[in-house]
PDB file of N, CA and C in Angstrom:
ATOM      1  N   MET A   1      -5.147   7.547  -6.948  1.00  0.00           N
ATOM      2  CA  MET A   1      -4.535   8.475  -7.856  1.00  0.00           C
ATOM      3  C   MET A   1      -3.504   7.726  -8.689  1.00  0.00           C
ATOM      4  N   ALA A   2      -3.633   7.772  -9.990  1.00  0.00           N
ATOM      5  CA  ALA A   2      -2.738   7.059 -10.898  1.00  0.00           C
ATOM      6  C   ALA A   2      -1.384   7.759 -10.985  1.00  0.00           C
ATOM      7  N   THR A   3      -0.396   7.016 -11.402  1.00  0.00           N
ATOM      8  CA  THR A   3       0.955   7.553 -11.570  1.00  0.00           C
ATOM      9  C   THR A   3       1.237   7.741 -13.040  1.00  0.00           C
ATOM     10  N   GLU A   4       1.811   8.876 -13.371  1.00  0.00           N
ATOM     11  CA  GLU A   4       2.261   9.152 -14.740  1.00  0.00           C
ATOM     12  C   GLU A   4       3.636   8.516 -14.905  1.00  0.00           C
ATOM     13  N   VAL A   5       3.874   7.810 -16.005  1.00  0.00           N
ATOM     14  CA  VAL A   5       5.161   7.156 -16.251  1.00  0.00           C
ATOM     15  C   VAL A   5       5.792   7.776 -17.488  1.00  0.00           C
ATOM     16  N   THR A   6       7.096   8.082 -17.391  1.00  0.00           N
ATOM     17  CA  THR A   6       7.798   8.683 -18.524  1.00  0.00           C
ATOM     18  C   THR A   6       9.263   8.267 -18.511  1.00  0.00           C
ATOM     19  N   SER A   7       9.962   8.529 -19.602  1.00  0.00           N
ATOM     20  CA  SER A   7      11.412   8.276 -19.674  1.00  0.00           C
ATOM     21  C   SER A   7      12.147   9.554 -19.273  1.00  0.00           C
ATOM     22  N   SER A   8      13.442   9.423 -18.956  1.00  0.00           N
ATOM     23  CA  SER A   8      14.216  10.609 -18.569  1.00  0.00           C
ATOM     24  C   SER A   8      14.315  11.604 -19.731  1.00  0.00           C
ATOM     25  N   LYS A   9      14.436  11.094 -20.970  1.00  0.00           N
ATOM     26  CA  LYS A   9      14.519  11.983 -22.141  1.00  0.00           C
ATOM     27  C   LYS A   9      13.218  12.771 -22.302  1.00  0.00           C
ATOM     28  N   ASP A  10      12.088  12.077 -22.229  1.00  0.00           N
ATOM     29  CA  ASP A  10      10.795  12.737 -22.347  1.00  0.00           C
ATOM     30  C   ASP A  10      10.599  13.730 -21.199  1.00  0.00           C
ATOM     31  N   PHE A  11      11.062  13.361 -20.016  1.00  0.00           N
ATOM     32  CA  PHE A  11      10.956  14.229 -18.854  1.00  0.00           C
ATOM     33  C   PHE A  11      11.728  15.534 -19.091  1.00  0.00           C
ATOM     34  N   ARG A  12      12.970  15.422 -19.578  1.00  0.00           N
ATOM     35  CA  ARG A  12      13.778  16.620 -19.872  1.00  0.00           C
ATOM     36  C   ARG A  12      13.105  17.499 -20.920  1.00  0.00           C
ATOM     37  N   ASP A  13      12.569  16.867 -21.967  1.00  0.00           N
ATOM     38  CA  ASP A  13      11.954  17.619 -23.061  1.00  0.00           C
ATOM     39  C   ASP A  13      10.688  18.357 -22.627  1.00  0.00           C
ATOM     40  N   LYS A  14       9.972  17.797 -21.665  1.00  0.00           N
ATOM     41  CA  LYS A  14       8.675  18.364 -21.261  1.00  0.00           C
ATOM     42  C   LYS A  14       8.634  18.689 -19.770  1.00  0.00           C
ATOM     43  N   LEU A  15       9.731  19.197 -19.233  1.00  0.00           N
ATOM     44  CA  LEU A  15       9.867  19.414 -17.798  1.00  0.00           C
ATOM     45  C   LEU A  15       8.718  20.221 -17.196  1.00  0.00           C
ATOM     46  N   SER A  16       8.382  21.347 -17.768  1.00  0.00           N
ATOM     47  CA  SER A  16       7.329  22.181 -17.171  1.00  0.00           C
ATOM     48  C   SER A  16       5.974  21.468 -17.179  1.00  0.00           C
ATOM     49  N   ASN A  17       5.712  20.671 -18.216  1.00  0.00           N
ATOM     50  CA  ASN A  17       4.458  19.908 -18.252  1.00  0.00           C
ATOM     51  C   ASN A  17       4.396  18.900 -17.107  1.00  0.00           C
ATOM     52  N   PHE A  18       5.531  18.256 -16.823  1.00  0.00           N
ATOM     53  CA  PHE A  18       5.550  17.255 -15.754  1.00  0.00           C
ATOM     54  C   PHE A  18       5.417  17.887 -14.376  1.00  0.00           C
ATOM     55  N   PHE A  19       5.912  19.115 -14.209  1.00  0.00           N
ATOM     56  CA  PHE A  19       5.676  19.815 -12.943  1.00  0.00           C
ATOM     57  C   PHE A  19       4.175  20.038 -12.747  1.00  0.00           C
ATOM     58  N   ASP A  20       3.482  20.403 -13.823  1.00  0.00           N
ATOM     59  CA  ASP A  20       2.030  20.595 -13.736  1.00  0.00           C
ATOM     60  C   ASP A  20       1.317  19.282 -13.399  1.00  0.00           C
ATOM     61  N   ILE A  21       1.748  18.204 -14.028  1.00  0.00           N
ATOM     62  CA  ILE A  21       1.151  16.888 -13.759  1.00  0.00           C
ATOM     63  C   ILE A  21       1.389  16.487 -12.304  1.00  0.00           C
ATOM     64  N   ALA A  22       2.604  16.761 -11.789  1.00  0.00           N
ATOM     65  CA  ALA A  22       2.964  16.355 -10.426  1.00  0.00           C
ATOM     66  C   ALA A  22       2.116  17.065  -9.370  1.00  0.00           C
ATOM     67  N   LEU A  23       1.487  18.168  -9.725  1.00  0.00           N
ATOM     68  CA  LEU A  23       0.576  18.817  -8.786  1.00  0.00           C
ATOM     69  C   LEU A  23      -0.679  17.984  -8.564  1.00  0.00           C
ATOM     70  N   LYS A  24      -0.997  17.116  -9.526  1.00  0.00           N
ATOM     71  CA  LYS A  24      -2.215  16.308  -9.458  1.00  0.00           C
ATOM     72  C   LYS A  24      -1.948  14.844  -9.137  1.00  0.00           C
ATOM     73  N   LYS A  25      -0.809  14.319  -9.602  1.00  0.00           N
ATOM     74  CA  LYS A  25      -0.473  12.913  -9.356  1.00  0.00           C
ATOM     75  C   LYS A  25       1.032  12.731  -9.467  1.00  0.00           C
ATOM     76  N   THR A  26       1.531  11.635  -8.927  1.00  0.00           N
ATOM     77  CA  THR A  26       2.975  11.394  -8.986  1.00  0.00           C
ATOM     78  C   THR A  26       3.398  11.043 -10.411  1.00  0.00           C
ATOM     79  N   VAL A  27       4.652  11.372 -10.709  1.00  0.00           N
ATOM     80  CA  VAL A  27       5.226  11.071 -12.016  1.00  0.00           C
ATOM     81  C   VAL A  27       6.392  10.111 -11.782  1.00  0.00           C
ATOM     82  N   SER A  28       6.376   8.974 -12.441  1.00  0.00           N
ATOM     83  CA  SER A  28       7.450   7.994 -12.349  1.00  0.00           C
ATOM     84  C   SER A  28       8.345   8.154 -13.562  1.00  0.00           C
ATOM     85  N   ILE A  29       9.644   8.372 -13.311  1.00  0.00           N
ATOM     86  CA  ILE A  29      10.597   8.625 -14.386  1.00  0.00           C
ATOM     87  C   ILE A  29      11.599   7.479 -14.419  1.00  0.00           C
ATOM     88  N   SER A  30      11.706   6.818 -15.560  1.00  0.00           N
ATOM     89  CA  SER A  30      12.666   5.718 -15.682  1.00  0.00           C
ATOM     90  C   SER A  30      13.897   6.207 -16.426  1.00  0.00           C
ATOM     91  N   ARG A  31      15.048   5.758 -15.930  1.00  0.00           N
ATOM     92  CA  ARG A  31      16.323   6.079 -16.577  1.00  0.00           C
ATOM     93  C   ARG A  31      17.148   4.806 -16.537  1.00  0.00           C
ATOM     94  N   GLY A  32      17.095   4.064 -17.626  1.00  0.00           N
ATOM     95  CA  GLY A  32      17.719   2.747 -17.636  1.00  0.00           C
ATOM     96  C   GLY A  32      17.000   1.854 -16.636  1.00  0.00           C
ATOM     97  N   LYS A  33      17.760   1.259 -15.704  1.00  0.00           N
ATOM     98  CA  LYS A  33      17.157   0.387 -14.692  1.00  0.00           C
ATOM     99  C   LYS A  33      16.637   1.170 -13.485  1.00  0.00           C
ATOM    100  N   ASP A  34      17.025   2.448 -13.379  1.00  0.00           N
ATOM    101  CA  ASP A  34      16.640   3.257 -12.230  1.00  0.00           C
ATOM    102  C   ASP A  34      15.264   3.878 -12.421  1.00  0.00           C
ATOM    103  N   ARG A  35      14.597   4.118 -11.291  1.00  0.00           N
ATOM    104  CA  ARG A  35      13.292   4.778 -11.294  1.00  0.00           C
ATOM    105  C   ARG A  35      13.328   5.931 -10.305  1.00  0.00           C
ATOM    106  N   PHE A  36      12.675   7.031 -10.659  1.00  0.00           N
ATOM    107  CA  PHE A  36      12.592   8.206  -9.809  1.00  0.00           C
ATOM    108  C   PHE A  36      11.133   8.637  -9.742  1.00  0.00           C
ATOM    109  N   VAL A  37      10.800   9.392  -8.697  1.00  0.00           N
ATOM    110  CA  VAL A  37       9.423   9.839  -8.528  1.00  0.00           C
ATOM    111  C   VAL A  37       9.412  11.348  -8.331  1.00  0.00           C
ATOM    112  N   LEU A  38       8.522  12.017  -9.053  1.00  0.00           N
ATOM    113  CA  LEU A  38       8.309  13.448  -8.897  1.00  0.00           C
ATOM    114  C   LEU A  38       6.908  13.628  -8.331  1.00  0.00           C
ATOM    115  N   MET A  39       6.821  14.383  -7.229  1.00  0.00           N
ATOM    116  CA  MET A  39       5.511  14.645  -6.621  1.00  0.00           C
ATOM    117  C   MET A  39       5.525  16.054  -6.061  1.00  0.00           C
ATOM    118  N   SER A  40       4.353  16.559  -5.754  1.00  0.00           N
ATOM    119  CA  SER A  40       4.280  17.891  -5.164  1.00  0.00           C
ATOM    120  C   SER A  40       4.849  17.855  -3.751  1.00  0.00           C
ATOM    121  N   GLU A  41       5.297  19.001  -3.290  1.00  0.00           N
ATOM    122  CA  GLU A  41       5.834  19.081  -1.929  1.00  0.00           C
ATOM    123  C   GLU A  41       4.759  18.732  -0.910  1.00  0.00           C
ATOM    124  N   THR A  42       3.543  19.137  -1.148  1.00  0.00           N
ATOM    125  CA  THR A  42       2.437  18.828  -0.238  1.00  0.00           C
ATOM    126  C   THR A  42       2.248  17.328  -0.093  1.00  0.00           C
ATOM    127  N   GLU A  43       2.260  16.614  -1.215  1.00  0.00           N
ATOM    128  CA  GLU A  43       2.111  15.161  -1.167  1.00  0.00           C
ATOM    129  C   GLU A  43       3.287  14.516  -0.431  1.00  0.00           C
ATOM    130  N   TYR A  44       4.493  15.006  -0.698  1.00  0.00           N
ATOM    131  CA  TYR A  44       5.683  14.491  -0.020  1.00  0.00           C
ATOM    132  C   TYR A  44       5.575  14.716   1.494  1.00  0.00           C
ATOM    133  N   LEU A  45       5.202  15.919   1.897  1.00  0.00           N
ATOM    134  CA  LEU A  45       5.090  16.221   3.327  1.00  0.00           C
ATOM    135  C   LEU A  45       4.013  15.375   3.995  1.00  0.00           C
ATOM    136  N   ASP A  46       2.896  15.150   3.294  1.00  0.00           N
ATOM    137  CA  ASP A  46       1.844  14.276   3.836  1.00  0.00           C
ATOM    138  C   ASP A  46       2.372  12.858   4.054  1.00  0.00           C
ATOM    139  N   LEU A  47       3.113  12.329   3.074  1.00  0.00           N
ATOM    140  CA  LEU A  47       3.685  10.984   3.210  1.00  0.00           C
ATOM    141  C   LEU A  47       4.687  10.931   4.357  1.00  0.00           C
ATOM    142  N   ARG A  48       5.530  11.947   4.445  1.00  0.00           N
ATOM    143  CA  ARG A  48       6.518  12.001   5.523  1.00  0.00           C
ATOM    144  C   ARG A  48       5.839  12.048   6.888  1.00  0.00           C
ATOM    145  N   ASP A  49       4.788  12.860   7.014  1.00  0.00           N
ATOM    146  CA  ASP A  49       4.056  12.958   8.284  1.00  0.00           C
ATOM    147  C   ASP A  49       3.406  11.632   8.646  1.00  0.00           C
ATOM    148  N   GLU A  50       2.877  10.937   7.644  1.00  0.00           N
ATOM    149  CA  GLU A  50       2.254   9.639   7.899  1.00  0.00           C
ATOM    150  C   GLU A  50       3.279   8.622   8.393  1.00  0.00           C
ATOM    151  N   VAL A  51       4.462   8.614   7.783  1.00  0.00           N
ATOM    152  CA  VAL A  51       5.530   7.699   8.214  1.00  0.00           C
ATOM    153  C   VAL A  51       5.957   8.031   9.642  1.00  0.00           C
ATOM    154  N   LEU A  52       6.131   9.311   9.937  1.00  0.00           N
ATOM    155  CA  LEU A  52       6.522   9.707  11.290  1.00  0.00           C
ATOM    156  C   LEU A  52       5.469   9.306  12.317  1.00  0.00           C
ATOM    157  N   SER A  53       4.213   9.447  11.955  1.00  0.00           N
ATOM    158  CA  SER A  53       3.127   9.044  12.850  1.00  0.00           C
ATOM    159  C   SER A  53       3.166   7.538  13.100  1.00  0.00           C
ATOM    160  N   LEU A  54       3.373   6.773  12.049  1.00  0.00           N
ATOM    161  CA  LEU A  54       3.472   5.317  12.200  1.00  0.00           C
ATOM    162  C   LEU A  54       4.659   4.942  13.081  1.00  0.00           C
ATOM    163  N   GLN A  55       5.771   5.625  12.905  1.00  0.00           N
ATOM    164  CA  GLN A  55       6.939   5.340  13.728  1.00  0.00           C
ATOM    165  C   GLN A  55       6.674   5.650  15.195  1.00  0.00           C
ATOM    166  N   ARG A  56       6.037   6.794  15.465  1.00  0.00           N
ATOM    167  CA  ARG A  56       5.715   7.149  16.854  1.00  0.00           C
ATOM    168  C   ARG A  56       4.790   6.119  17.476  1.00  0.00           C
ATOM    169  N   ASN A  57       3.776   5.700  16.724  1.00  0.00           N
ATOM    170  CA  ASN A  57       2.843   4.692  17.231  1.00  0.00           C
ATOM    171  C   ASN A  57       3.555   3.371  17.502  1.00  0.00           C
ATOM    172  N   LEU A  58       4.448   2.993  16.621  1.00  0.00           N
ATOM    173  CA  LEU A  58       5.182   1.747  16.794  1.00  0.00           C
ATOM    174  C   LEU A  58       6.083   1.806  18.024  1.00  0.00           C
ATOM    175  N   ILE A  59       6.759   2.919  18.193  1.00  0.00           N
ATOM    176  CA  ILE A  59       7.623   3.085  19.362  1.00  0.00           C
ATOM    177  C   ILE A  59       6.798   3.010  20.639  1.00  0.00           C
ATOM    178  N   ALA A  60       5.644   3.670  20.645  1.00  0.00           N
ATOM    179  CA  ALA A  60       4.783   3.634  21.823  1.00  0.00           C
ATOM    180  C   ALA A  60       4.331   2.208  22.120  1.00  0.00           C
ATOM    181  N   LEU A  61       3.991   1.461  21.087  1.00  0.00           N
ATOM    182  CA  LEU A  61       3.564   0.071  21.288  1.00  0.00           C
ATOM    183  C   LEU A  61       4.708  -0.783  21.810  1.00  0.00           C
ATOM    184  N   LEU A  62       5.906  -0.566  21.278  1.00  0.00           N
ATOM    185  CA  LEU A  62       7.055  -1.357  21.711  1.00  0.00           C
ATOM    186  C   LEU A  62       7.515  -0.981  23.116  1.00  0.00           C
ATOM    187  N   ASP A  63       7.203   0.235  23.542  1.00  0.00           N
ATOM    188  CA  ASP A  63       7.575   0.672  24.891  1.00  0.00           C
ATOM    189  C   ASP A  63       6.645   0.131  25.968  1.00  0.00           C
ATOM    190  N   SER A  64       5.511  -0.435  25.559  1.00  0.00           N
ATOM    191  CA  SER A  64       4.594  -0.965  26.560  1.00  0.00           C
ATOM    192  C   SER A  64       5.236  -2.164  27.256  1.00  0.00           C
ATOM    193  N   PRO A  65       4.985  -2.324  28.560  1.00  0.00           N
ATOM    194  CA  PRO A  65       5.656  -3.377  29.339  1.00  0.00           C
ATOM    195  C   PRO A  65       5.523  -4.781  28.751  1.00  0.00           C
ATOM    196  N   GLU A  66       4.357  -5.102  28.212  1.00  0.00           N
ATOM    197  CA  GLU A  66       4.170  -6.468  27.701  1.00  0.00           C
ATOM    198  C   GLU A  66       4.933  -6.736  26.408  1.00  0.00           C
ATOM    199  N   LYS A  67       5.456  -5.695  25.752  1.00  0.00           N
ATOM    200  CA  LYS A  67       6.183  -5.885  24.487  1.00  0.00           C
ATOM    201  C   LYS A  67       7.693  -5.781  24.669  1.00  0.00           C
ATOM    202  N   ARG A  68       8.168  -5.678  25.886  1.00  0.00           N
ATOM    203  CA  ARG A  68       9.610  -5.524  26.106  1.00  0.00           C
ATOM    204  C   ARG A  68      10.379  -6.807  25.845  1.00  0.00           C
ATOM    205  N   GLU A  69       9.688  -7.931  25.847  1.00  0.00           N
ATOM    206  CA  GLU A  69      10.383  -9.178  25.539  1.00  0.00           C
ATOM    207  C   GLU A  69      10.713  -9.215  24.044  1.00  0.00           C
ATOM    208  N   THR A  70      11.589 -10.072  23.655  1.00  0.00           N
ATOM    209  CA  THR A  70      12.003 -10.181  22.258  1.00  0.00           C
ATOM    210  C   THR A  70      10.822 -10.618  21.391  1.00  0.00           C
ATOM    211  N   ILE A  71      10.693  -9.987  20.246  1.00  0.00           N
ATOM    212  CA  ILE A  71       9.638 -10.344  19.302  1.00  0.00           C
ATOM    213  C   ILE A  71      10.175 -11.476  18.435  1.00  0.00           C
ATOM    214  N   GLU A  72       9.530 -12.643  18.542  1.00  0.00           N
ATOM    215  CA  GLU A  72      10.037 -13.814  17.825  1.00  0.00           C
ATOM    216  C   GLU A  72       9.582 -13.879  16.371  1.00  0.00           C
ATOM    217  N   GLU A  73       8.390 -13.383  16.077  1.00  0.00           N
ATOM    218  CA  GLU A  73       7.883 -13.396  14.707  1.00  0.00           C
ATOM    219  C   GLU A  73       7.569 -11.956  14.293  1.00  0.00           C
ATOM    220  N   PRO A  74       8.585 -11.185  13.877  1.00  0.00           N
ATOM    221  CA  PRO A  74       8.381  -9.759  13.594  1.00  0.00           C
ATOM    222  C   PRO A  74       7.310  -9.481  12.541  1.00  0.00           C
ATOM    223  N   GLU A  75       7.289 -10.248  11.445  1.00  0.00           N
ATOM    224  CA  GLU A  75       6.291  -9.998  10.393  1.00  0.00           C
ATOM    225  C   GLU A  75       4.878 -10.124  10.940  1.00  0.00           C
ATOM    226  N   LYS A  76       4.637 -11.181  11.682  1.00  0.00           N
ATOM    227  CA  LYS A  76       3.315 -11.405  12.258  1.00  0.00           C
ATOM    228  C   LYS A  76       2.991 -10.303  13.270  1.00  0.00           C
ATOM    229  N   PHE A  77       3.973  -9.966  14.118  1.00  0.00           N
ATOM    230  CA  PHE A  77       3.757  -8.943  15.131  1.00  0.00           C
ATOM    231  C   PHE A  77       3.387  -7.611  14.489  1.00  0.00           C
ATOM    232  N   PHE A  78       4.172  -7.164  13.502  1.00  0.00           N
ATOM    233  CA  PHE A  78       3.913  -5.867  12.887  1.00  0.00           C
ATOM    234  C   PHE A  78       2.618  -5.868  12.092  1.00  0.00           C
ATOM    235  N   SER A  79       2.283  -6.973  11.449  1.00  0.00           N
ATOM    236  CA  SER A  79       0.993  -7.072  10.752  1.00  0.00           C
ATOM    237  C   SER A  79      -0.148  -6.858  11.731  1.00  0.00           C
ATOM    238  N   GLU A  80      -0.060  -7.526  12.877  1.00  0.00           N
ATOM    239  CA  GLU A  80      -1.111  -7.396  13.890  1.00  0.00           C
ATOM    240  C   GLU A  80      -1.170  -5.977  14.449  1.00  0.00           C
ATOM    241  N   VAL A  81       0.001  -5.380  14.682  1.00  0.00           N
ATOM    242  CA  VAL A  81       0.046  -4.013  15.223  1.00  0.00           C
ATOM    243  C   VAL A  81      -0.619  -3.043  14.252  1.00  0.00           C
ATOM    244  N   PHE A  82      -0.246  -3.117  12.981  1.00  0.00           N
ATOM    245  CA  PHE A  82      -0.805  -2.179  12.013  1.00  0.00           C
ATOM    246  C   PHE A  82      -2.289  -2.440  11.781  1.00  0.00           C
ATOM    247  N   GLU A  83      -2.684  -3.696  11.766  1.00  0.00           N
ATOM    248  CA  GLU A  83      -4.101  -4.009  11.571  1.00  0.00           C
ATOM    249  C   GLU A  83      -4.921  -3.489  12.745  1.00  0.00           C
ATOM    250  N   LYS A  84      -4.411  -3.706  13.949  1.00  0.00           N
ATOM    251  CA  LYS A  84      -5.121  -3.276  15.156  1.00  0.00           C
ATOM    252  C   LYS A  84      -5.257  -1.756  15.213  1.00  0.00           C
ATOM    253  N   ASN A  85      -4.272  -1.039  14.695  1.00  0.00           N
ATOM    254  CA  ASN A  85      -4.256   0.417  14.797  1.00  0.00           C
ATOM    255  C   ASN A  85      -4.664   1.133  13.513  1.00  0.00           C
ATOM    256  N   ARG A  86      -5.096   0.376  12.512  1.00  0.00           N
ATOM    257  CA  ARG A  86      -5.485   0.980  11.229  1.00  0.00           C
ATOM    258  C   ARG A  86      -6.576   2.033  11.405  1.00  0.00           C
ATOM    259  N   SER A  87      -7.606   1.736  12.188  1.00  0.00           N
ATOM    260  CA  SER A  87      -8.699   2.693  12.346  1.00  0.00           C
ATOM    261  C   SER A  87      -8.231   3.961  13.060  1.00  0.00           C
ATOM    262  N   LYS A  88      -7.336   3.821  14.042  1.00  0.00           N
ATOM    263  CA  LYS A  88      -6.799   5.001  14.733  1.00  0.00           C
ATOM    264  C   LYS A  88      -6.023   5.873  13.753  1.00  0.00           C
ATOM    265  N   LEU A  89      -5.188   5.248  12.941  1.00  0.00           N
ATOM    266  CA  LEU A  89      -4.382   6.001  11.983  1.00  0.00           C
ATOM    267  C   LEU A  89      -5.265   6.685  10.953  1.00  0.00           C
ATOM    268  N   ASN A  90      -6.284   5.971  10.453  1.00  0.00           N
ATOM    269  CA  ASN A  90      -7.180   6.556   9.461  1.00  0.00           C
ATOM    270  C   ASN A  90      -7.949   7.728  10.047  1.00  0.00           C
ATOM    271  N   SER A  91      -8.395   7.609  11.291  1.00  0.00           N
ATOM    272  CA  SER A  91      -9.163   8.689  11.902  1.00  0.00           C
ATOM    273  C   SER A  91      -8.282   9.914  12.126  1.00  0.00           C
ATOM    274  N   LYS A  92      -7.005   9.732  12.469  1.00  0.00           N
ATOM    275  CA  LYS A  92      -6.093  10.861  12.630  1.00  0.00           C
ATOM    276  C   LYS A  92      -5.873  11.550  11.305  1.00  0.00           C
ATOM    277  N   LYS A  93      -5.767  10.781  10.237  1.00  0.00           N
ATOM    278  CA  LYS A  93      -5.540  11.358   8.915  1.00  0.00           C
ATOM    279  C   LYS A  93      -6.755  12.194   8.503  1.00  0.00           C
ATOM    280  N   VAL A  94      -7.954  11.689   8.770  1.00  0.00           N
ATOM    281  CA  VAL A  94      -9.171  12.407   8.416  1.00  0.00           C
ATOM    282  C   VAL A  94      -9.265  13.712   9.192  1.00  0.00           C
ATOM    283  N   LYS A  95      -8.894  13.692  10.491  1.00  0.00           N
ATOM    284  CA  LYS A  95      -8.960  14.885  11.323  1.00  0.00           C
ATOM    285  C   LYS A  95      -7.997  15.960  10.826  1.00  0.00           C
ATOM    286  N   GLN A  96      -6.818  15.540  10.287  1.00  0.00           N
ATOM    287  CA  GLN A  96      -5.829  16.490   9.815  1.00  0.00           C
ATOM    288  C   GLN A  96      -6.263  17.160   8.515  1.00  0.00           C
ATOM    289  N   ALA A  97      -7.022  16.450   7.702  1.00  0.00           N
ATOM    290  CA  ALA A  97      -7.391  16.965   6.377  1.00  0.00           C
ATOM    291  C   ALA A  97      -8.313  18.160   6.452  1.00  0.00           C
TER     292      ALA A  97
END
């Protein structure tokens, strides 16, 4: 899904149009150096649920006895964890839809 990009001035001028667009795709609003994102509540809640699920899975993995030792290479460890669990996460997402 592509992102709509606009300036803050254009966003103010066409606010109701951007709400309609945000129902279908995210809207990126630039204001000087800052960037903001407008999305539907449903999309936001889906993203939040996905993050919470990833956090729960990560905590469960870290709670396992073999992972209680200090992680020396965090980037490598987390890459492996997410790669190993990608299919589980994808299947949960499909079941929820």
